[in-house]
């Protein structure tokens, strides 16, 4: 409940910021217009986002005949959580990663890259997919849509102020904050909204880690997977993600090559923090302590599949699995 309460507090903070910005530079009319525009765009993305993102990454749907091990793990974990069986996809990418999408559990999809299937053990993969199914169970797509709607409305109000020189109240007078207040809000409000939105995203990742560890019953398996995925993401590019950075928050680890202030503007908490929490969970469950945080696995290579070749993104999926 702590994580959900924190998310509620952050959403409330975003709404409070929206109200403050609206009164200072948007006026009631500006607030309404900004909110309706942001809501329309984000509701469209919420309703159609799964199809768009899967198409964007060239994901290929698989089943029991084409990826029996992967589909079997997803089915087992979905059964443990009481979720409907989601659609399962493979993305041809050397970078090991995975994400879940869909507006609700009845319309969910889980996607794993070909890279992740090559380097994880079954226990590690169960932790990763448990993480993704926790996002589905917690309806995090809805949470992030709400956050994106409010943050987007704040950004639009700032643009209104920029292009129209500040707000006008219903009585025709200028913004209560004056020119200085309008300029300050125009610059600082979108930044503050972005930081709160990112904090919400990081909080949902912590909750999904916890849920994934509980569903799989193996926090150390997920922790070990995160070490491998972080190493892979740092060394192997994800070209689609680089071209569409707005989708980065979907993945279990940040697929983008980071820079200077990455920790402040990252959609994901640090891997070290995530591992520490998972190891604490393992200790509470009586599992043997590990040295996961100290291990630095070898970088994933441009490995070949069991048949010796890697199918191209446009090819039909054959019998695929990490334990062929």
C-alpha atoms as a PDB file:
ATOM      1  CA  UNK A   1       0.000   0.000   0.000  1.00  0.00           C
ATOM      2  CA  UNK A   2       2.931   2.340   0.598  1.00  0.00           C
ATOM      3  CA  UNK A   3       3.812   2.477  -3.089  1.00  0.00           C
ATOM      4  CA  UNK A   4       0.220   3.078  -4.145  1.00  0.00           C
ATOM      5  CA  UNK A   5      -0.174   5.813  -1.512  1.00  0.00           C
ATOM      6  CA  UNK A   6       3.027   7.482  -2.748  1.00  0.00           C
ATOM      7  CA  UNK A   7       1.670   7.420  -6.298  1.00  0.00           C
ATOM      8  CA  UNK A   8      -1.590   8.982  -5.114  1.00  0.00           C
ATOM      9  CA  UNK A   9       0.340  11.747  -3.327  1.00  0.00           C
ATOM     10  CA  UNK A  10       2.375  12.473  -6.464  1.00  0.00           C
ATOM     11  CA  UNK A  11      -0.729  12.532  -8.672  1.00  0.00           C
ATOM     12  CA  UNK A  12      -2.311  14.942  -6.182  1.00  0.00           C
ATOM     13  CA  UNK A  13       0.826  17.097  -6.321  1.00  0.00           C
ATOM     14  CA  UNK A  14       0.575  17.198 -10.115  1.00  0.00           C
ATOM     15  CA  UNK A  15      -3.061  18.242  -9.907  1.00  0.00           C
ATOM     16  CA  UNK A  16      -2.215  20.922  -7.354  1.00  0.00           C
ATOM     17  CA  UNK A  17       0.513  22.234  -9.642  1.00  0.00           C
ATOM     18  CA  UNK A  18      -1.938  22.283 -12.527  1.00  0.00           C
ATOM     19  CA  UNK A  19      -4.421  24.307 -10.479  1.00  0.00           C
ATOM     20  CA  UNK A  20      -1.720  26.769  -9.384  1.00  0.00           C
ATOM     21  CA  UNK A  21      -0.393  27.225 -12.907  1.00  0.00           C
ATOM     22  CA  UNK A  22      -3.903  27.598 -14.232  1.00  0.00           C
ATOM     23  CA  UNK A  23      -4.760  30.415 -11.857  1.00  0.00           C
ATOM     24  CA  UNK A  24      -1.474  32.201 -12.511  1.00  0.00           C
ATOM     25  CA  UNK A  25      -1.130  32.005 -16.267  1.00  0.00           C
ATOM     26  CA  UNK A  26      -4.089  30.153 -17.729  1.00  0.00           C
ATOM     27  CA  UNK A  27      -7.241  31.442 -16.196  1.00  0.00           C
ATOM     28  CA  UNK A  28     -10.255  29.166 -15.935  1.00  0.00           C
ATOM     29  CA  UNK A  29     -10.752  29.094 -19.694  1.00  0.00           C
ATOM     30  CA  UNK A  30      -7.115  28.246 -20.347  1.00  0.00           C
ATOM     31  CA  UNK A  31      -7.201  25.495 -17.752  1.00  0.00           C
ATOM     32  CA  UNK A  32     -10.214  23.881 -19.343  1.00  0.00           C
ATOM     33  CA  UNK A  33      -8.813  24.051 -22.880  1.00  0.00           C
ATOM     34  CA  UNK A  34      -5.418  22.692 -21.819  1.00  0.00           C
ATOM     35  CA  UNK A  35      -6.939  19.845 -19.831  1.00  0.00           C
ATOM     36  CA  UNK A  36      -9.328  18.812 -22.613  1.00  0.00           C
ATOM     37  CA  UNK A  37      -6.570  18.856 -25.251  1.00  0.00           C
ATOM     38  CA  UNK A  38      -4.180  16.858 -23.068  1.00  0.00           C
ATOM     39  CA  UNK A  39      -6.911  14.410 -22.064  1.00  0.00           C
ATOM     40  CA  UNK A  40      -7.919  13.857 -25.694  1.00  0.00           C
ATOM     41  CA  UNK A  41      -4.379  13.111 -26.830  1.00  0.00           C
ATOM     42  CA  UNK A  42      -3.563  10.846 -23.901  1.00  0.00           C
ATOM     43  CA  UNK A  43      -6.856   8.966 -24.008  1.00  0.00           C
ATOM     44  CA  UNK A  44      -6.211   8.212 -27.685  1.00  0.00           C
ATOM     45  CA  UNK A  45      -2.760   6.916 -26.749  1.00  0.00           C
ATOM     46  CA  UNK A  46      -4.225   4.932 -23.841  1.00  0.00           C
ATOM     47  CA  UNK A  47      -6.821   3.273 -26.071  1.00  0.00           C
ATOM     48  CA  UNK A  48      -4.534   2.561 -29.035  1.00  0.00           C
ATOM     49  CA  UNK A  49      -1.074   2.614 -27.474  1.00  0.00           C
ATOM     50  CA  UNK A  50      -0.590  -1.162 -27.386  1.00  0.00           C
ATOM     51  CA  UNK A  51      -1.095  -1.517 -31.138  1.00  0.00           C
ATOM     52  CA  UNK A  52       1.071   1.517 -31.874  1.00  0.00           C
ATOM     53  CA  UNK A  53       4.032   0.521 -29.718  1.00  0.00           C
ATOM     54  CA  UNK A  54       4.023  -3.125 -30.826  1.00  0.00           C
ATOM     55  CA  UNK A  55       3.963  -2.012 -34.456  1.00  0.00           C
ATOM     56  CA  UNK A  56       6.673   0.558 -33.754  1.00  0.00           C
ATOM     57  CA  UNK A  57       9.003  -2.169 -32.497  1.00  0.00           C
ATOM     58  CA  UNK A  58       8.116  -4.711 -35.185  1.00  0.00           C
ATOM     59  CA  UNK A  59       6.879  -7.150 -32.545  1.00  0.00           C
ATOM     60  CA  UNK A  60       5.828 -10.587 -33.783  1.00  0.00           C
ATOM     61  CA  UNK A  61       3.110 -12.440 -31.920  1.00  0.00           C
ATOM     62  CA  UNK A  62       4.055 -15.954 -30.836  1.00  0.00           C
ATOM     63  CA  UNK A  63       2.175 -18.931 -29.432  1.00  0.00           C
ATOM     64  CA  UNK A  64       2.721 -22.424 -28.092  1.00  0.00           C
ATOM     65  CA  UNK A  65       3.977 -23.654 -31.450  1.00  0.00           C
ATOM     66  CA  UNK A  66       6.490 -20.865 -32.103  1.00  0.00           C
ATOM     67  CA  UNK A  67       7.761 -20.004 -28.596  1.00  0.00           C
ATOM     68  CA  UNK A  68       6.458 -22.688 -26.229  1.00  0.00           C
ATOM     69  CA  UNK A  69       8.833 -21.941 -23.336  1.00  0.00           C
ATOM     70  CA  UNK A  70       8.191 -18.192 -23.322  1.00  0.00           C
ATOM     71  CA  UNK A  71       4.439 -18.585 -23.703  1.00  0.00           C
ATOM     72  CA  UNK A  72       4.453 -21.302 -21.044  1.00  0.00           C
ATOM     73  CA  UNK A  73       6.166 -19.032 -18.504  1.00  0.00           C
ATOM     74  CA  UNK A  74       3.704 -16.208 -19.195  1.00  0.00           C
ATOM     75  CA  UNK A  75       0.768 -18.599 -18.850  1.00  0.00           C
ATOM     76  CA  UNK A  76       2.079 -19.977 -15.560  1.00  0.00           C
ATOM     77  CA  UNK A  77       2.608 -16.518 -14.071  1.00  0.00           C
ATOM     78  CA  UNK A  78      -0.741 -15.207 -15.332  1.00  0.00           C
ATOM     79  CA  UNK A  79      -2.395 -18.194 -13.656  1.00  0.00           C
ATOM     80  CA  UNK A  80      -0.673 -17.409 -10.374  1.00  0.00           C
ATOM     81  CA  UNK A  81      -1.983 -13.849 -10.427  1.00  0.00           C
ATOM     82  CA  UNK A  82      -5.468 -14.653 -11.715  1.00  0.00           C
ATOM     83  CA  UNK A  83      -4.933 -12.528 -14.828  1.00  0.00           C
ATOM     84  CA  UNK A  84      -6.308 -13.356 -18.273  1.00  0.00           C
ATOM     85  CA  UNK A  85      -3.632 -14.770 -20.571  1.00  0.00           C
ATOM     86  CA  UNK A  86      -2.050 -11.796 -22.363  1.00  0.00           C
ATOM     87  CA  UNK A  87      -0.848 -11.860 -25.944  1.00  0.00           C
ATOM     88  CA  UNK A  88       2.870 -12.648 -26.173  1.00  0.00           C
ATOM     89  CA  UNK A  89       5.335 -11.051 -28.593  1.00  0.00           C
ATOM     90  CA  UNK A  90       9.009 -11.278 -29.514  1.00  0.00           C
ATOM     91  CA  UNK A  91      10.943  -8.229 -30.707  1.00  0.00           C
ATOM     92  CA  UNK A  92      14.070  -8.857 -32.784  1.00  0.00           C
ATOM     93  CA  UNK A  93      16.621  -6.802 -30.847  1.00  0.00           C
ATOM     94  CA  UNK A  94      20.011  -7.745 -29.454  1.00  0.00           C
ATOM     95  CA  UNK A  95      19.401  -5.524 -26.414  1.00  0.00           C
ATOM     96  CA  UNK A  96      17.910  -7.682 -23.641  1.00  0.00           C
ATOM     97  CA  UNK A  97      14.686  -6.047 -22.469  1.00  0.00           C
ATOM     98  CA  UNK A  98      10.938  -6.530 -22.077  1.00  0.00           C
ATOM     99  CA  UNK A  99       7.745  -4.542 -21.573  1.00  0.00           C
ATOM    100  CA  UNK A 100       4.013  -4.905 -21.071  1.00  0.00           C
ATOM    101  CA  UNK A 101       1.346  -2.770 -22.681  1.00  0.00           C
ATOM    102  CA  UNK A 102      -2.429  -2.623 -22.968  1.00  0.00           C
ATOM    103  CA  UNK A 103      -5.169  -0.515 -21.449  1.00  0.00           C
ATOM    104  CA  UNK A 104      -6.368  -3.218 -19.014  1.00  0.00           C
ATOM    105  CA  UNK A 105      -5.733  -6.896 -18.132  1.00  0.00           C
ATOM    106  CA  UNK A 106      -8.227  -8.031 -20.775  1.00  0.00           C
ATOM    107  CA  UNK A 107      -6.279  -6.239 -23.521  1.00  0.00           C
ATOM    108  CA  UNK A 108      -2.721  -6.768 -22.319  1.00  0.00           C
ATOM    109  CA  UNK A 109       0.355  -7.803 -24.253  1.00  0.00           C
ATOM    110  CA  UNK A 110       3.804  -8.845 -23.048  1.00  0.00           C
ATOM    111  CA  UNK A 111       6.814  -8.386 -25.316  1.00  0.00           C
ATOM    112  CA  UNK A 112      10.333  -9.741 -24.849  1.00  0.00           C
ATOM    113  CA  UNK A 113      13.330  -9.048 -27.049  1.00  0.00           C
ATOM    114  CA  UNK A 114      15.211 -11.896 -28.690  1.00  0.00           C
ATOM    115  CA  UNK A 115      18.238 -10.691 -26.720  1.00  0.00           C
ATOM    116  CA  UNK A 116      16.612 -11.318 -23.355  1.00  0.00           C
ATOM    117  CA  UNK A 117      15.713 -14.872 -24.330  1.00  0.00           C
ATOM    118  CA  UNK A 118      19.360 -15.644 -25.057  1.00  0.00           C
ATOM    119  CA  UNK A 119      20.916 -14.569 -21.776  1.00  0.00           C
ATOM    120  CA  UNK A 120      18.432 -15.245 -18.963  1.00  0.00           C
ATOM    121  CA  UNK A 121      17.819 -18.437 -17.073  1.00  0.00           C
ATOM    122  CA  UNK A 122      14.258 -19.595 -16.580  1.00  0.00           C
ATOM    123  CA  UNK A 123      14.193 -18.283 -12.991  1.00  0.00           C
ATOM    124  CA  UNK A 124      15.464 -14.886 -14.149  1.00  0.00           C
ATOM    125  CA  UNK A 125      12.934 -14.718 -16.971  1.00  0.00           C
ATOM    126  CA  UNK A 126      10.121 -15.570 -14.556  1.00  0.00           C
ATOM    127  CA  UNK A 127      11.127 -12.597 -12.399  1.00  0.00           C
ATOM    128  CA  UNK A 128      11.160 -10.271 -15.427  1.00  0.00           C
ATOM    129  CA  UNK A 129       7.805 -11.442 -16.750  1.00  0.00           C
ATOM    130  CA  UNK A 130       6.338 -11.348 -13.243  1.00  0.00           C
ATOM    131  CA  UNK A 131       7.437  -7.694 -13.125  1.00  0.00           C
ATOM    132  CA  UNK A 132       5.618  -7.002 -16.389  1.00  0.00           C
ATOM    133  CA  UNK A 133       2.450  -8.802 -15.312  1.00  0.00           C
ATOM    134  CA  UNK A 134       2.462  -6.734 -12.117  1.00  0.00           C
ATOM    135  CA  UNK A 135       2.293  -3.612 -14.293  1.00  0.00           C
ATOM    136  CA  UNK A 136      -0.762  -5.180 -15.953  1.00  0.00           C
ATOM    137  CA  UNK A 137      -2.365  -6.161 -12.636  1.00  0.00           C
ATOM    138  CA  UNK A 138      -1.776  -2.704 -11.143  1.00  0.00           C
ATOM    139  CA  UNK A 139      -3.158  -0.994 -14.268  1.00  0.00           C
ATOM    140  CA  UNK A 140      -0.079   1.170 -14.486  1.00  0.00           C
ATOM    141  CA  UNK A 141      -0.996   2.195 -18.031  1.00  0.00           C
ATOM    142  CA  UNK A 142      -3.977   4.056 -16.550  1.00  0.00           C
ATOM    143  CA  UNK A 143      -1.825   5.617 -13.817  1.00  0.00           C
ATOM    144  CA  UNK A 144       0.744   6.884 -16.313  1.00  0.00           C
ATOM    145  CA  UNK A 145      -2.006   8.137 -18.640  1.00  0.00           C
ATOM    146  CA  UNK A 146      -3.446  10.245 -15.810  1.00  0.00           C
ATOM    147  CA  UNK A 147       0.024  11.594 -14.969  1.00  0.00           C
ATOM    148  CA  UNK A 148       0.757  12.319 -18.624  1.00  0.00           C
ATOM    149  CA  UNK A 149      -2.595  14.101 -19.044  1.00  0.00           C
ATOM    150  CA  UNK A 150      -2.001  16.463 -16.116  1.00  0.00           C
ATOM    151  CA  UNK A 151       1.647  17.059 -17.008  1.00  0.00           C
ATOM    152  CA  UNK A 152       0.670  17.669 -20.631  1.00  0.00           C
ATOM    153  CA  UNK A 153      -1.978  20.180 -19.586  1.00  0.00           C
ATOM    154  CA  UNK A 154       0.619  22.052 -17.517  1.00  0.00           C
ATOM    155  CA  UNK A 155       2.931  22.153 -20.519  1.00  0.00           C
ATOM    156  CA  UNK A 156       0.154  23.501 -22.711  1.00  0.00           C
ATOM    157  CA  UNK A 157      -0.628  26.252 -20.216  1.00  0.00           C
ATOM    158  CA  UNK A 158       3.022  27.249 -20.313  1.00  0.00           C
ATOM    159  CA  UNK A 159       2.875  27.385 -24.099  1.00  0.00           C
ATOM    160  CA  UNK A 160      -0.250  29.524 -23.922  1.00  0.00           C
ATOM    161  CA  UNK A 161       1.655  31.941 -21.700  1.00  0.00           C
ATOM    162  CA  UNK A 162       4.596  31.980 -24.088  1.00  0.00           C
ATOM    163  CA  UNK A 163       2.580  32.645 -27.232  1.00  0.00           C
ATOM    164  CA  UNK A 164      -0.071  34.920 -25.761  1.00  0.00           C
ATOM    165  CA  UNK A 165       1.987  36.818 -23.212  1.00  0.00           C
ATOM    166  CA  UNK A 166       0.352  35.483 -20.069  1.00  0.00           C
ATOM    167  CA  UNK A 167      -3.208  34.741 -19.086  1.00  0.00           C
ATOM    168  CA  UNK A 168      -6.263  36.861 -18.834  1.00  0.00           C
ATOM    169  CA  UNK A 169      -8.762  36.268 -16.104  1.00  0.00           C
ATOM    170  CA  UNK A 170     -12.491  36.188 -16.671  1.00  0.00           C
ATOM    171  CA  UNK A 171     -12.633  39.893 -15.856  1.00  0.00           C
ATOM    172  CA  UNK A 172     -10.114  40.697 -18.614  1.00  0.00           C
ATOM    173  CA  UNK A 173      -7.285  41.583 -16.253  1.00  0.00           C
ATOM    174  CA  UNK A 174      -3.830  40.045 -16.443  1.00  0.00           C
ATOM    175  CA  UNK A 175      -2.539  37.063 -14.563  1.00  0.00           C
ATOM    176  CA  UNK A 176      -2.516  37.447 -10.757  1.00  0.00           C
ATOM    177  CA  UNK A 177       1.192  36.661 -10.791  1.00  0.00           C
ATOM    178  CA  UNK A 178       1.971  39.442 -13.207  1.00  0.00           C
ATOM    179  CA  UNK A 179       4.562  39.213 -15.965  1.00  0.00           C
ATOM    180  CA  UNK A 180       7.306  37.928 -13.692  1.00  0.00           C
ATOM    181  CA  UNK A 181       5.083  35.223 -12.225  1.00  0.00           C
ATOM    182  CA  UNK A 182       3.890  34.182 -15.665  1.00  0.00           C
ATOM    183  CA  UNK A 183       7.451  33.897 -16.987  1.00  0.00           C
ATOM    184  CA  UNK A 184       8.604  31.940 -13.939  1.00  0.00           C
ATOM    185  CA  UNK A 185       5.675  29.559 -14.204  1.00  0.00           C
ATOM    186  CA  UNK A 186       6.167  29.225 -17.945  1.00  0.00           C
ATOM    187  CA  UNK A 187       9.701  27.917 -17.331  1.00  0.00           C
ATOM    188  CA  UNK A 188       9.457  26.120 -14.018  1.00  0.00           C
ATOM    189  CA  UNK A 189       6.010  24.513 -14.126  1.00  0.00           C
ATOM    190  CA  UNK A 190       6.666  22.108 -17.034  1.00  0.00           C
ATOM    191  CA  UNK A 191       9.994  21.131 -15.457  1.00  0.00           C
ATOM    192  CA  UNK A 192       8.358  20.444 -12.109  1.00  0.00           C
ATOM    193  CA  UNK A 193       5.564  18.480 -13.791  1.00  0.00           C
ATOM    194  CA  UNK A 194       8.102  16.356 -15.669  1.00  0.00           C
ATOM    195  CA  UNK A 195      10.017  15.584 -12.487  1.00  0.00           C
ATOM    196  CA  UNK A 196       6.845  14.527 -10.666  1.00  0.00           C
ATOM    197  CA  UNK A 197       5.783  12.412 -13.649  1.00  0.00           C
ATOM    198  CA  UNK A 198       9.182  10.678 -13.673  1.00  0.00           C
ATOM    199  CA  UNK A 199       8.948  10.100  -9.920  1.00  0.00           C
ATOM    200  CA  UNK A 200       5.605   8.370 -10.473  1.00  0.00           C
ATOM    201  CA  UNK A 201       7.169   6.180 -13.161  1.00  0.00           C
ATOM    202  CA  UNK A 202      10.065   5.208 -10.892  1.00  0.00           C
ATOM    203  CA  UNK A 203       7.647   4.392  -8.077  1.00  0.00           C
ATOM    204  CA  UNK A 204       5.644   2.097 -10.337  1.00  0.00           C
ATOM    205  CA  UNK A 205       8.884   0.292 -11.285  1.00  0.00           C
ATOM    206  CA  UNK A 206       9.675  -0.391  -7.622  1.00  0.00           C
ATOM    207  CA  UNK A 207       6.145  -1.745  -7.126  1.00  0.00           C
ATOM    208  CA  UNK A 208       6.447  -3.936 -10.220  1.00  0.00           C
ATOM    209  CA  UNK A 209       9.777  -5.303  -8.942  1.00  0.00           C
ATOM    210  CA  UNK A 210       8.128  -6.208  -5.660  1.00  0.00           C
ATOM    211  CA  UNK A 211       5.182  -7.831  -7.412  1.00  0.00           C
ATOM    212  CA  UNK A 212       7.420  -9.695  -9.846  1.00  0.00           C
ATOM    213  CA  UNK A 213       9.487 -11.083  -6.977  1.00  0.00           C
ATOM    214  CA  UNK A 214       6.343 -12.197  -5.136  1.00  0.00           C
ATOM    215  CA  UNK A 215       4.738 -13.785  -8.195  1.00  0.00           C
ATOM    216  CA  UNK A 216       7.888 -15.658  -9.202  1.00  0.00           C
ATOM    217  CA  UNK A 217       8.743 -16.452  -5.580  1.00  0.00           C
ATOM    218  CA  UNK A 218      12.373 -15.593  -6.285  1.00  0.00           C
ATOM    219  CA  UNK A 219      13.534 -12.002  -5.639  1.00  0.00           C
ATOM    220  CA  UNK A 220      17.144 -12.979  -6.324  1.00  0.00           C
ATOM    221  CA  UNK A 221      16.194 -14.305  -9.753  1.00  0.00           C
ATOM    222  CA  UNK A 222      14.797 -10.907 -10.712  1.00  0.00           C
ATOM    223  CA  UNK A 223      17.784  -9.133  -9.165  1.00  0.00           C
ATOM    224  CA  UNK A 224      20.177 -11.288 -11.188  1.00  0.00           C
ATOM    225  CA  UNK A 225      18.169 -10.552 -14.330  1.00  0.00           C
ATOM    226  CA  UNK A 226      18.354  -6.796 -13.704  1.00  0.00           C
ATOM    227  CA  UNK A 227      22.142  -6.940 -13.523  1.00  0.00           C
ATOM    228  CA  UNK A 228      22.304  -8.684 -16.897  1.00  0.00           C
ATOM    229  CA  UNK A 229      19.728  -6.398 -18.494  1.00  0.00           C
ATOM    230  CA  UNK A 230      21.443  -3.242 -17.264  1.00  0.00           C
ATOM    231  CA  UNK A 231      24.772  -4.429 -18.684  1.00  0.00           C
ATOM    232  CA  UNK A 232      23.122  -5.269 -21.986  1.00  0.00           C
ATOM    233  CA  UNK A 233      21.250  -1.971 -22.232  1.00  0.00           C
ATOM    234  CA  UNK A 234      24.466  -0.030 -21.639  1.00  0.00           C
ATOM    235  CA  UNK A 235      26.390  -1.862 -24.347  1.00  0.00           C
ATOM    236  CA  UNK A 236      23.831  -2.779 -26.998  1.00  0.00           C
ATOM    237  CA  UNK A 237      21.715  -0.024 -28.577  1.00  0.00           C
ATOM    238  CA  UNK A 238      17.972  -0.228 -29.055  1.00  0.00           C
ATOM    239  CA  UNK A 239      17.545   1.782 -32.224  1.00  0.00           C
ATOM    240  CA  UNK A 240      13.737   1.873 -32.108  1.00  0.00           C
ATOM    241  CA  UNK A 241      13.794   3.189 -28.540  1.00  0.00           C
ATOM    242  CA  UNK A 242      16.365   5.837 -29.464  1.00  0.00           C
ATOM    243  CA  UNK A 243      14.031   6.982 -32.245  1.00  0.00           C
ATOM    244  CA  UNK A 244      10.986   6.931 -29.930  1.00  0.00           C
ATOM    245  CA  UNK A 245      12.283   7.919 -26.459  1.00  0.00           C
ATOM    246  CA  UNK A 246       8.743   8.547 -25.170  1.00  0.00           C
ATOM    247  CA  UNK A 247       8.308   4.756 -25.026  1.00  0.00           C
ATOM    248  CA  UNK A 248      11.359   4.196 -22.787  1.00  0.00           C
ATOM    249  CA  UNK A 249       9.291   4.056 -19.593  1.00  0.00           C
ATOM    250  CA  UNK A 250       7.575   0.886 -20.821  1.00  0.00           C
ATOM    251  CA  UNK A 251      10.694  -1.281 -20.595  1.00  0.00           C
ATOM    252  CA  UNK A 252      11.909  -3.073 -17.477  1.00  0.00           C
ATOM    253  CA  UNK A 253      15.281  -1.300 -17.773  1.00  0.00           C
ATOM    254  CA  UNK A 254      15.904   2.014 -19.509  1.00  0.00           C
ATOM    255  CA  UNK A 255      16.671   1.170 -23.162  1.00  0.00           C
ATOM    256  CA  UNK A 256      18.233   4.560 -23.911  1.00  0.00           C
ATOM    257  CA  UNK A 257      21.895   5.466 -23.790  1.00  0.00           C
ATOM    258  CA  UNK A 258      22.030   7.906 -20.875  1.00  0.00           C
ATOM    259  CA  UNK A 259      23.998  11.054 -20.231  1.00  0.00           C
ATOM    260  CA  UNK A 260      24.778  13.635 -17.596  1.00  0.00           C
ATOM    261  CA  UNK A 261      21.687  14.105 -15.407  1.00  0.00           C
ATOM    262  CA  UNK A 262      20.294  10.656 -16.158  1.00  0.00           C
ATOM    263  CA  UNK A 263      19.344   9.833 -12.579  1.00  0.00           C
ATOM    264  CA  UNK A 264      17.219  12.977 -12.236  1.00  0.00           C
ATOM    265  CA  UNK A 265      15.431  12.618 -15.561  1.00  0.00           C
ATOM    266  CA  UNK A 266      15.314   8.821 -15.781  1.00  0.00           C
ATOM    267  CA  UNK A 267      12.015   6.965 -16.035  1.00  0.00           C
ATOM    268  CA  UNK A 268      13.584   4.138 -14.001  1.00  0.00           C
ATOM    269  CA  UNK A 269      15.153   3.985 -10.533  1.00  0.00           C
ATOM    270  CA  UNK A 270      18.808   2.992 -10.382  1.00  0.00           C
ATOM    271  CA  UNK A 271      19.520  -0.704 -10.769  1.00  0.00           C
ATOM    272  CA  UNK A 272      21.519  -0.616  -7.520  1.00  0.00           C
ATOM    273  CA  UNK A 273      18.454   0.586  -5.598  1.00  0.00           C
ATOM    274  CA  UNK A 274      16.264  -2.037  -7.203  1.00  0.00           C
ATOM    275  CA  UNK A 275      18.703  -4.840  -6.411  1.00  0.00           C
ATOM    276  CA  UNK A 276      19.072  -3.680  -2.799  1.00  0.00           C
ATOM    277  CA  UNK A 277      15.305  -3.828  -2.312  1.00  0.00           C
ATOM    278  CA  UNK A 278      15.067  -7.253  -3.918  1.00  0.00           C
ATOM    279  CA  UNK A 279      17.887  -8.603  -1.769  1.00  0.00           C
ATOM    280  CA  UNK A 280      16.121  -7.250   1.318  1.00  0.00           C
ATOM    281  CA  UNK A 281      12.958  -9.065   0.183  1.00  0.00           C
ATOM    282  CA  UNK A 282      14.956 -12.268  -0.295  1.00  0.00           C
ATOM    283  CA  UNK A 283      16.410 -11.975   3.201  1.00  0.00           C
ATOM    284  CA  UNK A 284      12.919 -11.459   4.667  1.00  0.00           C
ATOM    285  CA  UNK A 285      11.769 -14.588   2.821  1.00  0.00           C
ATOM    286  CA  UNK A 286      14.672 -16.566   4.267  1.00  0.00           C
ATOM    287  CA  UNK A 287      16.529 -16.945   0.988  1.00  0.00           C
ATOM    288  CA  UNK A 288      20.292 -17.210   1.091  1.00  0.00           C
ATOM    289  CA  UNK A 289      22.120 -13.906   0.667  1.00  0.00           C
ATOM    290  CA  UNK A 290      23.767 -13.292  -2.670  1.00  0.00           C
ATOM    291  CA  UNK A 291      26.501 -11.196  -4.165  1.00  0.00           C
ATOM    292  CA  UNK A 292      24.394 -10.072  -7.097  1.00  0.00           C
ATOM    293  CA  UNK A 293      25.220  -6.414  -6.647  1.00  0.00           C
ATOM    294  CA  UNK A 294      28.928  -7.176  -6.853  1.00  0.00           C
ATOM    295  CA  UNK A 295      28.707  -9.326  -9.965  1.00  0.00           C
ATOM    296  CA  UNK A 296      29.355  -7.774 -13.325  1.00  0.00           C
ATOM    297  CA  UNK A 297      28.243 -10.284 -15.947  1.00  0.00           C
ATOM    298  CA  UNK A 298      29.918 -10.499 -19.291  1.00  0.00           C
ATOM    299  CA  UNK A 299      28.370  -8.223 -21.847  1.00  0.00           C
ATOM    300  CA  UNK A 300      25.800  -9.945 -24.052  1.00  0.00           C
ATOM    301  CA  UNK A 301      27.323 -10.716 -27.401  1.00  0.00           C
ATOM    302  CA  UNK A 302      25.611 -10.595 -30.761  1.00  0.00           C
ATOM    303  CA  UNK A 303      24.710 -14.166 -30.065  1.00  0.00           C
ATOM    304  CA  UNK A 304      23.156 -16.610 -32.453  1.00  0.00           C
ATOM    305  CA  UNK A 305      20.116 -18.713 -31.851  1.00  0.00           C
ATOM    306  CA  UNK A 306      20.323 -22.451 -31.367  1.00  0.00           C
ATOM    307  CA  UNK A 307      20.030 -22.965 -35.111  1.00  0.00           C
ATOM    308  CA  UNK A 308      23.016 -20.699 -35.684  1.00  0.00           C
ATOM    309  CA  UNK A 309      21.143 -17.756 -37.192  1.00  0.00           C
ATOM    310  CA  UNK A 310      19.079 -14.900 -35.905  1.00  0.00           C
ATOM    311  CA  UNK A 311      15.810 -14.431 -37.827  1.00  0.00           C
ATOM    312  CA  UNK A 312      15.314 -10.978 -39.281  1.00  0.00           C
ATOM    313  CA  UNK A 313      12.625  -8.724 -37.879  1.00  0.00           C
ATOM    314  CA  UNK A 314      10.450  -9.314 -40.908  1.00  0.00           C
ATOM    315  CA  UNK A 315      10.659 -13.097 -40.917  1.00  0.00           C
ATOM    316  CA  UNK A 316       7.948 -15.359 -39.572  1.00  0.00           C
ATOM    317  CA  UNK A 317       8.694 -16.595 -36.048  1.00  0.00           C
ATOM    318  CA  UNK A 318       9.952 -20.168 -35.857  1.00  0.00           C
ATOM    319  CA  UNK A 319      10.174 -22.379 -32.790  1.00  0.00           C
ATOM    320  CA  UNK A 320      11.752 -19.898 -30.376  1.00  0.00           C
ATOM    321  CA  UNK A 321      12.792 -20.140 -26.755  1.00  0.00           C
ATOM    322  CA  UNK A 322      15.584 -19.451 -24.320  1.00  0.00           C
ATOM    323  CA  UNK A 323      16.076 -23.137 -23.499  1.00  0.00           C
ATOM    324  CA  UNK A 324      16.011 -24.729 -26.970  1.00  0.00           C
END
